[in-house]
Amino acid sequence: MDRSESIIDLIKNQIKKEDSLPVLSPESLEIQNEATRENMDFSKLTRLVSRDITLTGQILKTANSPFYRGLGDVETLKDAVLRLGQHEMVNIIMQEMHKNNFKSEIPQIRSYQTRLWNHSLSCAMGSLWTVKYLALNDLIPRAFISGLLHDMGQLYLLTAIEKLLISETESFKPPPQLIEKILASLHPSLGYNLLTKWNLPDPYRIIARDHHREDFDVTNMMLVVIRLTDAVCHKMERNDPEENLSGIASSREADILTMSEIGLAELEIALEDAKTRNTPL
């Protein structure tokens, strides 16, 4: 058997084990399930969040951040909700809960996780900016979360790889090129599986599964937005001075959304600005 094939088999076998699942506590799963429900009970969500001291502290920290400077100090969760608004509050909750899964103690894995987290957060912010820019107002509640979770299959794979590295399997020494190939090829289906295990609604699971498919559903506007924003974020990450936005502007996704090259350039600027100033879009 080819060595690369044997490594892939090891990873696939590890994925079948429950301990390879990225961890969300029962309390976090309850919060996430309420936050992503179509008919969310915001009062219930606030009560659930108030039981989590760390999460409450992060929300208060955001509400008192420089972005909101001049509005006075916020000391209670209720006041934070009034300042941030429901959608922003939910986005912060999801961001804070999931970033805890990107803290491997293995430098090699942590490097991949850091890159993945930065990409996921950029795609989340970019997707929210895009639906606002295009006045797709019905998509605003789902845009940030859809972007944040679309590549969770890669986190699933990295967790499995981390478990194998910790177990010091002698035959498991994957070169970086193979890890990149595995992450690229396997993450959509595994993302769907992971979000299913987390009981996330179907729209988020479909985006995780289909955001790289050639035969995607062109009527699923949230999926189209994620695909477009994902392409812009990857283009920015490559940081190639010879690469412009013309390829993305001529894509099927841009055509469906009637997103011009000027609009894409504005999205790039907004993402760069958010990154520099560490502010929401």
Protein backbone atom coordinates (compact mmCIF):
# COMPACT_ATOMS: atom_id res chain seq x y z
CA MET A 1 0.00 0.00 0.00
CA ASP A 2 1.15 3.54 -0.77
CA ARG A 3 2.38 5.32 2.40
CA SER A 4 0.08 8.30 1.83
CA GLU A 5 -2.87 5.93 1.51
CA SER A 6 -1.99 4.22 4.79
CA ILE A 7 -1.86 7.61 6.54
CA ILE A 8 -5.26 8.54 5.14
CA ASP A 9 -6.63 5.18 6.37
CA LEU A 10 -5.27 5.92 9.86
CA ILE A 11 -7.03 9.29 9.86
CA LYS A 12 -10.30 7.84 8.59
CA ASN A 13 -10.22 5.15 11.28
CA GLN A 14 -9.48 7.76 13.95
CA ILE A 15 -12.40 9.90 12.79
CA LYS A 16 -14.75 7.00 13.51
CA LYS A 17 -13.86 7.29 17.20
CA GLU A 18 -16.01 9.62 19.30
CA ASP A 19 -12.97 11.19 20.99
CA SER A 20 -12.00 12.78 17.67
CA LEU A 21 -15.02 15.08 17.77
CA PRO A 22 -14.18 18.72 18.54
CA VAL A 23 -15.65 19.26 22.00
CA LEU A 24 -18.56 21.45 22.96
CA SER A 25 -19.77 21.10 26.54
CA PRO A 26 -23.43 20.16 27.13
CA GLU A 27 -24.01 23.74 28.28
CA SER A 28 -22.43 25.16 25.12
CA LEU A 29 -24.46 22.79 22.94
CA GLU A 30 -27.63 23.97 24.65
CA ILE A 31 -26.68 27.60 24.03
CA GLN A 32 -25.76 26.87 20.41
CA ASN A 33 -28.98 24.95 19.77
CA GLU A 34 -31.04 27.88 21.05
CA ALA A 35 -28.93 30.49 19.21
CA THR A 36 -29.34 28.72 15.85
CA ARG A 37 -33.01 27.77 16.17
CA GLU A 38 -35.26 29.35 13.54
CA ASN A 39 -37.65 30.66 16.19
CA MET A 40 -35.04 31.53 18.78
CA ASP A 41 -36.26 32.48 22.26
CA PHE A 42 -33.87 35.33 23.02
CA SER A 43 -34.93 35.56 26.66
CA LYS A 44 -34.08 31.88 27.11
CA LEU A 45 -30.78 32.35 25.30
CA THR A 46 -29.84 35.23 27.61
CA ARG A 47 -30.66 33.11 30.67
CA LEU A 48 -28.48 30.28 29.36
CA VAL A 49 -25.58 32.64 28.65
CA SER A 50 -25.86 34.25 32.09
CA ARG A 51 -24.92 30.89 33.65
CA ASP A 52 -21.59 30.92 31.80
CA ILE A 53 -19.31 33.38 33.58
CA THR A 54 -16.60 33.31 30.89
CA LEU A 55 -19.03 33.86 28.03
CA THR A 56 -20.82 36.64 29.91
CA GLY A 57 -17.47 38.31 30.58
CA GLN A 58 -16.55 38.23 26.88
CA ILE A 59 -19.88 39.78 25.90
CA LEU A 60 -19.44 42.57 28.44
CA LYS A 61 -15.86 43.08 27.23
CA THR A 62 -17.11 43.50 23.65
CA ALA A 63 -19.88 45.87 24.69
CA ASN A 64 -17.28 48.01 26.48
CA SER A 65 -14.71 47.82 23.67
CA PRO A 66 -13.29 50.93 21.92
CA PHE A 67 -15.73 50.39 19.04
CA TYR A 68 -18.56 51.41 21.38
CA ARG A 69 -16.55 54.02 23.30
CA GLY A 70 -18.51 57.10 24.31
CA LEU A 71 -21.70 55.21 25.05
CA GLY A 72 -20.90 54.70 28.73
CA ASP A 73 -19.93 51.56 30.62
CA VAL A 74 -22.02 48.40 30.42
CA GLU A 75 -22.13 46.30 33.58
CA THR A 76 -24.97 43.81 33.01
CA LEU A 77 -25.84 41.27 30.33
CA LYS A 78 -29.20 42.98 29.84
CA ASP A 79 -27.50 46.31 29.09
CA ALA A 80 -25.04 44.56 26.75
CA VAL A 81 -27.95 43.13 24.77
CA LEU A 82 -29.50 46.59 24.44
CA ARG A 83 -26.22 48.02 23.18
CA LEU A 84 -25.17 45.23 20.84
CA GLY A 85 -28.54 44.10 19.51
CA GLN A 86 -29.74 40.51 19.25
CA HIS A 87 -27.94 39.56 16.03
CA GLU A 88 -24.57 40.90 17.18
CA MET A 89 -25.04 39.24 20.56
CA VAL A 90 -25.66 35.84 18.93
CA ASN A 91 -22.62 36.29 16.68
CA ILE A 92 -20.39 37.05 19.67
CA ILE A 93 -21.76 34.03 21.53
CA MET A 94 -20.98 31.69 18.63
CA GLN A 95 -17.53 33.20 18.09
CA GLU A 96 -16.51 32.93 21.74
CA MET A 97 -17.80 29.37 22.14
CA HIS A 98 -16.05 27.98 19.08
CA LYS A 99 -12.67 29.66 19.34
CA ASN A 100 -11.91 27.49 22.38
CA ASN A 101 -11.57 24.50 20.02
CA PHE A 102 -8.62 26.11 18.25
CA LYS A 103 -6.00 25.78 21.01
CA SER A 104 -3.98 22.64 20.39
CA GLU A 105 -0.80 22.17 22.45
CA ILE A 106 0.92 20.63 19.42
CA PRO A 107 2.62 23.48 17.48
CA GLN A 108 2.05 21.84 14.08
CA ILE A 109 -1.69 21.46 14.70
CA ARG A 110 -2.00 24.86 16.37
CA SER A 111 -0.51 26.48 13.27
CA TYR A 112 -3.22 24.93 11.08
CA GLN A 113 -5.88 25.83 13.65
CA THR A 114 -4.79 29.47 13.78
CA ARG A 115 -4.97 29.75 10.01
CA LEU A 116 -8.36 28.04 9.96
CA TRP A 117 -9.77 30.24 12.73
CA ASN A 118 -8.61 33.43 11.03
CA HIS A 119 -10.15 32.28 7.75
CA SER A 120 -13.42 31.24 9.42
CA LEU A 121 -13.73 34.55 11.26
CA SER A 122 -12.94 36.54 8.11
CA CYS A 123 -15.51 34.56 6.16
CA ALA A 124 -18.06 35.13 8.92
CA MET A 125 -17.50 38.88 8.93
CA GLY A 126 -17.32 39.04 5.14
CA SER A 127 -20.55 37.11 4.70
CA LEU A 128 -22.36 39.42 7.12
CA TRP A 129 -20.98 42.47 5.29
CA THR A 130 -22.01 41.03 1.92
CA VAL A 131 -25.63 40.31 2.81
CA LYS A 132 -25.94 43.81 4.25
CA TYR A 133 -24.30 45.32 1.16
CA LEU A 134 -26.66 43.43 -1.14
CA ALA A 135 -29.68 44.17 1.09
CA LEU A 136 -30.37 40.46 1.57
CA ASN A 137 -31.91 41.32 4.91
CA ASP A 138 -33.54 37.95 5.54
CA LEU A 139 -30.06 36.36 5.53
CA ILE A 140 -28.55 38.68 8.16
CA PRO A 141 -29.39 36.44 11.16
CA ARG A 142 -27.59 33.43 9.57
CA ALA A 143 -24.73 35.07 7.69
CA PHE A 144 -22.07 35.31 10.40
CA ILE A 145 -22.74 31.83 11.79
CA SER A 146 -22.76 30.28 8.32
CA GLY A 147 -19.36 31.77 7.55
CA LEU A 148 -17.95 30.83 10.94
CA LEU A 149 -18.95 27.17 10.68
CA HIS A 150 -18.54 26.43 6.97
CA ASP A 151 -15.05 24.89 7.33
CA MET A 152 -15.60 23.03 10.63
CA GLY A 153 -14.81 19.78 8.81
CA GLN A 154 -11.17 20.90 8.81
CA LEU A 155 -11.28 21.27 12.59
CA TYR A 156 -12.69 17.74 12.79
CA LEU A 157 -9.77 16.44 10.71
CA LEU A 158 -7.19 18.39 12.71
CA THR A 159 -8.61 16.98 15.94
CA ALA A 160 -8.24 13.44 14.56
CA ILE A 161 -4.69 14.16 13.37
CA GLU A 162 -3.85 15.61 16.79
CA LYS A 163 -5.08 12.43 18.51
CA LEU A 164 -2.87 10.32 16.25
CA LEU A 165 0.17 12.50 16.88
CA ILE A 166 -0.39 12.29 20.65
CA SER A 167 -0.64 8.51 20.46
CA GLU A 168 2.78 8.54 18.74
CA THR A 169 1.74 6.03 16.10
CA GLU A 170 5.08 5.14 14.54
CA SER A 171 3.71 4.97 11.01
CA PHE A 172 1.89 8.28 11.33
CA LYS A 173 4.20 11.02 10.09
CA PRO A 174 2.17 12.99 7.55
CA PRO A 175 4.11 15.55 5.48
CA PRO A 176 2.57 19.05 5.29
CA GLN A 177 1.61 18.59 1.63
CA LEU A 178 -0.45 15.51 2.50
CA ILE A 179 -2.16 17.26 5.41
CA GLU A 180 -3.13 20.09 3.06
CA LYS A 181 -4.53 17.59 0.57
CA ILE A 182 -6.50 15.75 3.25
CA LEU A 183 -7.94 18.97 4.68
CA ALA A 184 -9.00 20.15 1.24
CA SER A 185 -10.57 16.91 0.04
CA LEU A 186 -12.30 15.53 3.14
CA HIS A 187 -13.53 18.57 5.06
CA PRO A 188 -16.89 19.24 3.32
CA SER A 189 -18.44 15.84 4.09
CA LEU A 190 -16.92 15.79 7.59
CA GLY A 191 -18.19 19.31 8.22
CA TYR A 192 -21.69 18.11 7.41
CA ASN A 193 -21.25 15.15 9.78
CA LEU A 194 -19.89 17.28 12.60
CA LEU A 195 -22.64 19.91 12.39
CA THR A 196 -25.16 17.06 12.32
CA LYS A 197 -23.66 15.64 15.53
CA TRP A 198 -23.92 19.12 17.04
CA ASN A 199 -27.64 19.20 16.08
CA LEU A 200 -27.26 22.32 13.96
CA PRO A 201 -30.12 23.16 11.57
CA ASP A 202 -30.03 21.87 8.00
CA PRO A 203 -29.08 25.20 6.32
CA TYR A 204 -25.73 25.32 8.15
CA ARG A 205 -24.99 21.65 7.42
CA ILE A 206 -25.73 22.06 3.71
CA ILE A 207 -23.33 25.01 3.48
CA ALA A 208 -20.57 22.99 5.16
CA ARG A 209 -21.17 20.15 2.69
CA ASP A 210 -21.68 22.11 -0.54
CA HIS A 211 -19.46 25.18 -0.39
CA HIS A 212 -16.97 23.59 -2.83
CA ARG A 213 -19.35 21.56 -5.01
CA GLU A 214 -19.50 22.35 -8.71
CA ASP A 215 -23.17 21.36 -8.93
CA PHE A 216 -24.31 23.56 -6.03
CA ASP A 217 -27.86 24.81 -5.49
CA VAL A 218 -27.90 28.23 -7.17
CA THR A 219 -31.16 29.11 -5.42
CA ASN A 220 -29.56 28.79 -1.96
CA MET A 221 -28.51 32.42 -1.60
CA MET A 222 -26.74 31.95 1.73
CA LEU A 223 -24.63 29.20 0.18
CA VAL A 224 -23.82 31.44 -2.79
CA VAL A 225 -22.75 34.26 -0.45
CA ILE A 226 -20.48 31.90 1.52
CA ARG A 227 -18.88 30.57 -1.67
CA LEU A 228 -18.19 34.10 -2.92
CA THR A 229 -16.87 35.38 0.42
CA ASP A 230 -14.77 32.24 0.85
CA ALA A 231 -13.11 32.92 -2.52
CA VAL A 232 -12.36 36.54 -1.59
CA CYS A 233 -10.88 35.52 1.78
CA HIS A 234 -8.66 32.87 0.17
CA LYS A 235 -7.50 35.40 -2.41
CA MET A 236 -6.55 37.83 0.37
CA GLU A 237 -4.72 35.09 2.27
CA ARG A 238 -2.60 34.21 -0.78
CA ASN A 239 -1.49 37.86 -0.84
CA ASP A 240 -0.32 37.58 -4.45
CA PRO A 241 0.28 41.07 -5.93
CA GLU A 242 -0.29 39.62 -9.40
CA GLU A 243 -3.78 38.34 -8.51
CA ASN A 244 -6.75 40.66 -8.88
CA LEU A 245 -10.49 40.27 -8.36
CA SER A 246 -11.43 39.78 -12.00
CA GLY A 247 -11.64 36.00 -11.70
CA ILE A 248 -14.02 36.19 -8.75
CA ALA A 249 -15.99 39.01 -10.38
CA SER A 250 -16.61 36.78 -13.41
CA SER A 251 -17.61 33.77 -11.30
CA ARG A 252 -21.04 32.20 -11.29
CA GLU A 253 -21.53 33.27 -7.68
CA ALA A 254 -20.85 36.94 -8.44
CA ASP A 255 -23.22 36.73 -11.39
CA ILE A 256 -26.01 35.22 -9.26
CA LEU A 257 -25.57 37.89 -6.60
CA THR A 258 -24.97 40.68 -9.16
CA MET A 259 -21.83 41.52 -7.19
CA SER A 260 -19.57 43.84 -9.18
CA GLU A 261 -15.80 44.01 -9.02
CA ILE A 262 -16.22 47.34 -7.22
CA GLY A 263 -18.37 45.62 -4.61
CA LEU A 264 -15.76 42.90 -4.17
CA ALA A 265 -13.06 45.54 -3.75
CA GLU A 266 -15.19 47.22 -1.07
CA LEU A 267 -15.53 43.86 0.67
CA GLU A 268 -11.74 43.48 0.68
CA ILE A 269 -11.34 46.95 2.15
CA ALA A 270 -13.95 46.24 4.83
CA LEU A 271 -12.19 43.01 5.80
CA GLU A 272 -8.79 44.67 5.94
CA ASP A 273 -10.23 47.47 8.05
CA ALA A 274 -11.92 45.04 10.47
CA LYS A 275 -8.68 43.10 10.77
CA THR A 276 -6.60 46.20 11.45
CA ARG A 277 -9.00 47.76 13.92
CA ASN A 278 -10.38 44.49 15.37
CA THR A 279 -13.94 45.74 15.01
CA PRO A 280 -17.19 44.16 13.81
CA LEU A 281 -18.35 44.92 10.28
